[in-house]
């Protein structure tokens, strides 16, 4: 059981599943993020422009660093695009030498394993 997946609507936090109000009255995004970081909650992943990642119409959440899940707890193999922060999905072509990922936002192709080695 991981953190509670939350969504922001206006100036309030709601449970992503069920829609129950967690807390309202926030005055800034920074205040929301501080609250989330101290209360075992997680917000949807967003790109560098602030757009949420969506896979098959479902929000994506990042748990434990690089483990991504849909709102319904389905684990998915995704990676963050080094250019735009968008959602990278593994290409259909599987090879032993590479792990080719293509960003759904900007189309950038990258090898997730090489990116991790470089950082």
C-alpha atoms as a PDB file:
ATOM      1  CA  UNK A   1       0.000   0.000   0.000  1.00  0.00           C
ATOM      2  CA  UNK A   2       1.519   3.260  -1.121  1.00  0.00           C
ATOM      3  CA  UNK A   3       0.722   6.898  -0.602  1.00  0.00           C
ATOM      4  CA  UNK A   4      -2.750   8.235  -1.324  1.00  0.00           C
ATOM      5  CA  UNK A   5      -3.037   9.403  -4.909  1.00  0.00           C
ATOM      6  CA  UNK A   6      -4.422  12.920  -4.959  1.00  0.00           C
ATOM      7  CA  UNK A   7      -5.570  15.485  -7.507  1.00  0.00           C
ATOM      8  CA  UNK A   8      -5.803  19.255  -7.305  1.00  0.00           C
ATOM      9  CA  UNK A   9      -9.069  21.004  -8.120  1.00  0.00           C
ATOM     10  CA  UNK A  10      -9.027  24.748  -7.628  1.00  0.00           C
ATOM     11  CA  UNK A  11      -7.412  25.386  -4.262  1.00  0.00           C
ATOM     12  CA  UNK A  12      -8.183  21.953  -2.798  1.00  0.00           C
ATOM     13  CA  UNK A  13      -6.791  18.404  -2.700  1.00  0.00           C
ATOM     14  CA  UNK A  14      -9.039  15.433  -3.386  1.00  0.00           C
ATOM     15  CA  UNK A  15      -8.469  11.676  -3.400  1.00  0.00           C
ATOM     16  CA  UNK A  16      -7.994  10.608  -7.020  1.00  0.00           C
ATOM     17  CA  UNK A  17     -10.119   7.517  -6.421  1.00  0.00           C
ATOM     18  CA  UNK A  18     -13.446   8.384  -4.876  1.00  0.00           C
ATOM     19  CA  UNK A  19     -13.066  12.153  -4.964  1.00  0.00           C
ATOM     20  CA  UNK A  20     -13.134  12.632  -1.181  1.00  0.00           C
ATOM     21  CA  UNK A  21     -11.910  16.066  -0.055  1.00  0.00           C
ATOM     22  CA  UNK A  22      -8.523  15.856   1.674  1.00  0.00           C
ATOM     23  CA  UNK A  23      -8.022  19.552   2.420  1.00  0.00           C
ATOM     24  CA  UNK A  24      -8.952  22.908   0.920  1.00  0.00           C
ATOM     25  CA  UNK A  25      -7.978  26.535   1.340  1.00  0.00           C
ATOM     26  CA  UNK A  26      -4.533  26.394  -0.239  1.00  0.00           C
ATOM     27  CA  UNK A  27      -3.261  29.728  -1.534  1.00  0.00           C
ATOM     28  CA  UNK A  28      -0.463  28.526  -3.855  1.00  0.00           C
ATOM     29  CA  UNK A  29       0.892  25.498  -5.688  1.00  0.00           C
ATOM     30  CA  UNK A  30       3.932  25.593  -3.393  1.00  0.00           C
ATOM     31  CA  UNK A  31       1.664  25.287  -0.334  1.00  0.00           C
ATOM     32  CA  UNK A  32      -0.060  22.267  -1.912  1.00  0.00           C
ATOM     33  CA  UNK A  33       3.281  20.603  -2.666  1.00  0.00           C
ATOM     34  CA  UNK A  34       4.528  21.195   0.885  1.00  0.00           C
ATOM     35  CA  UNK A  35       1.355  19.636   2.296  1.00  0.00           C
ATOM     36  CA  UNK A  36       1.633  16.626  -0.043  1.00  0.00           C
ATOM     37  CA  UNK A  37       5.288  16.063   0.901  1.00  0.00           C
ATOM     38  CA  UNK A  38       4.433  15.930   4.614  1.00  0.00           C
ATOM     39  CA  UNK A  39       1.232  13.841   4.528  1.00  0.00           C
ATOM     40  CA  UNK A  40       1.961  10.638   2.551  1.00  0.00           C
ATOM     41  CA  UNK A  41       0.209  11.864  -0.577  1.00  0.00           C
ATOM     42  CA  UNK A  42       1.322  11.885  -4.209  1.00  0.00           C
ATOM     43  CA  UNK A  43       0.263  14.170  -7.064  1.00  0.00           C
ATOM     44  CA  UNK A  44       0.102  13.226 -10.757  1.00  0.00           C
ATOM     45  CA  UNK A  45       3.346  13.513 -12.712  1.00  0.00           C
ATOM     46  CA  UNK A  46       3.574  16.647 -14.865  1.00  0.00           C
ATOM     47  CA  UNK A  47       5.941  17.697 -17.638  1.00  0.00           C
ATOM     48  CA  UNK A  48       8.116  20.823 -17.555  1.00  0.00           C
ATOM     49  CA  UNK A  49       5.166  22.924 -18.785  1.00  0.00           C
ATOM     50  CA  UNK A  50       2.900  21.659 -15.990  1.00  0.00           C
ATOM     51  CA  UNK A  51       0.744  19.324 -18.144  1.00  0.00           C
ATOM     52  CA  UNK A  52      -0.143  16.021 -16.425  1.00  0.00           C
ATOM     53  CA  UNK A  53       0.954  12.712 -17.899  1.00  0.00           C
ATOM     54  CA  UNK A  54      -1.997  10.697 -19.218  1.00  0.00           C
ATOM     55  CA  UNK A  55      -1.930   7.079 -20.403  1.00  0.00           C
ATOM     56  CA  UNK A  56      -5.164   5.786 -21.906  1.00  0.00           C
ATOM     57  CA  UNK A  57      -6.899   8.773 -20.304  1.00  0.00           C
ATOM     58  CA  UNK A  58      -5.628   7.921 -16.803  1.00  0.00           C
ATOM     59  CA  UNK A  59      -3.330  10.091 -14.690  1.00  0.00           C
ATOM     60  CA  UNK A  60       0.126   8.736 -13.947  1.00  0.00           C
ATOM     61  CA  UNK A  61       1.734   8.827 -10.492  1.00  0.00           C
ATOM     62  CA  UNK A  62       5.412   8.323  -9.610  1.00  0.00           C
ATOM     63  CA  UNK A  63       6.122   6.220  -6.545  1.00  0.00           C
ATOM     64  CA  UNK A  64       9.505   5.458  -5.001  1.00  0.00           C
ATOM     65  CA  UNK A  65      11.599   7.479  -7.470  1.00  0.00           C
ATOM     66  CA  UNK A  66      11.043   5.866 -10.864  1.00  0.00           C
ATOM     67  CA  UNK A  67       8.137   3.458 -10.390  1.00  0.00           C
ATOM     68  CA  UNK A  68       5.113   4.723 -12.302  1.00  0.00           C
ATOM     69  CA  UNK A  69       1.484   3.682 -11.770  1.00  0.00           C
ATOM     70  CA  UNK A  70      -1.894   4.620 -13.144  1.00  0.00           C
ATOM     71  CA  UNK A  71      -4.572   5.893 -10.793  1.00  0.00           C
ATOM     72  CA  UNK A  72      -5.919   2.317 -10.577  1.00  0.00           C
ATOM     73  CA  UNK A  73      -2.549   0.930  -9.317  1.00  0.00           C
ATOM     74  CA  UNK A  74      -1.439  -0.609 -12.636  1.00  0.00           C
ATOM     75  CA  UNK A  75       2.359  -0.430 -12.938  1.00  0.00           C
ATOM     76  CA  UNK A  76       3.599   0.940 -16.244  1.00  0.00           C
ATOM     77  CA  UNK A  77       7.081   1.179 -17.737  1.00  0.00           C
ATOM     78  CA  UNK A  78       7.605   4.887 -18.418  1.00  0.00           C
ATOM     79  CA  UNK A  79      10.478   7.363 -18.247  1.00  0.00           C
ATOM     80  CA  UNK A  80      10.779  11.149 -18.044  1.00  0.00           C
ATOM     81  CA  UNK A  81      11.957  12.833 -21.247  1.00  0.00           C
ATOM     82  CA  UNK A  82      15.264  14.639 -20.613  1.00  0.00           C
ATOM     83  CA  UNK A  83      14.218  17.456 -22.994  1.00  0.00           C
ATOM     84  CA  UNK A  84      10.648  18.436 -22.061  1.00  0.00           C
ATOM     85  CA  UNK A  85       9.861  16.312 -19.000  1.00  0.00           C
ATOM     86  CA  UNK A  86       7.127  14.552 -20.959  1.00  0.00           C
ATOM     87  CA  UNK A  87       6.061  10.932 -20.697  1.00  0.00           C
ATOM     88  CA  UNK A  88       8.362   8.502 -22.485  1.00  0.00           C
ATOM     89  CA  UNK A  89       7.008   5.124 -23.567  1.00  0.00           C
ATOM     90  CA  UNK A  90       9.112   2.144 -24.627  1.00  0.00           C
ATOM     91  CA  UNK A  91       9.181   1.631 -28.398  1.00  0.00           C
ATOM     92  CA  UNK A  92       7.696  -1.537 -29.830  1.00  0.00           C
ATOM     93  CA  UNK A  93      11.106  -2.619 -31.122  1.00  0.00           C
ATOM     94  CA  UNK A  94      12.834  -4.584 -28.361  1.00  0.00           C
ATOM     95  CA  UNK A  95      16.559  -5.120 -28.602  1.00  0.00           C
ATOM     96  CA  UNK A  96      19.024  -6.385 -26.042  1.00  0.00           C
ATOM     97  CA  UNK A  97      21.428  -3.472 -26.570  1.00  0.00           C
ATOM     98  CA  UNK A  98      18.993  -0.637 -25.919  1.00  0.00           C
ATOM     99  CA  UNK A  99      15.837   0.387 -24.137  1.00  0.00           C
ATOM    100  CA  UNK A 100      14.489   2.901 -26.664  1.00  0.00           C
ATOM    101  CA  UNK A 101      11.968   5.313 -25.189  1.00  0.00           C
ATOM    102  CA  UNK A 102       9.931   7.830 -27.214  1.00  0.00           C
ATOM    103  CA  UNK A 103       8.428  10.949 -25.627  1.00  0.00           C
ATOM    104  CA  UNK A 104       4.705  11.329 -26.297  1.00  0.00           C
ATOM    105  CA  UNK A 105       4.930  15.139 -26.030  1.00  0.00           C
ATOM    106  CA  UNK A 106       7.945  16.122 -28.156  1.00  0.00           C
ATOM    107  CA  UNK A 107       8.818  12.883 -29.986  1.00  0.00           C
ATOM    108  CA  UNK A 108      12.386  12.770 -28.609  1.00  0.00           C
ATOM    109  CA  UNK A 109      13.853   9.242 -28.608  1.00  0.00           C
ATOM    110  CA  UNK A 110      16.302   8.247 -25.901  1.00  0.00           C
ATOM    111  CA  UNK A 111      17.728   5.189 -24.195  1.00  0.00           C
ATOM    112  CA  UNK A 112      16.612   5.181 -20.560  1.00  0.00           C
ATOM    113  CA  UNK A 113      19.533   3.008 -19.443  1.00  0.00           C
ATOM    114  CA  UNK A 114      22.098   5.348 -21.034  1.00  0.00           C
ATOM    115  CA  UNK A 115      20.390   8.386 -19.475  1.00  0.00           C
ATOM    116  CA  UNK A 116      20.639   6.790 -16.015  1.00  0.00           C
ATOM    117  CA  UNK A 117      24.329   5.946 -16.517  1.00  0.00           C
ATOM    118  CA  UNK A 118      25.142   9.519 -17.532  1.00  0.00           C
ATOM    119  CA  UNK A 119      23.588  11.054 -14.398  1.00  0.00           C
END
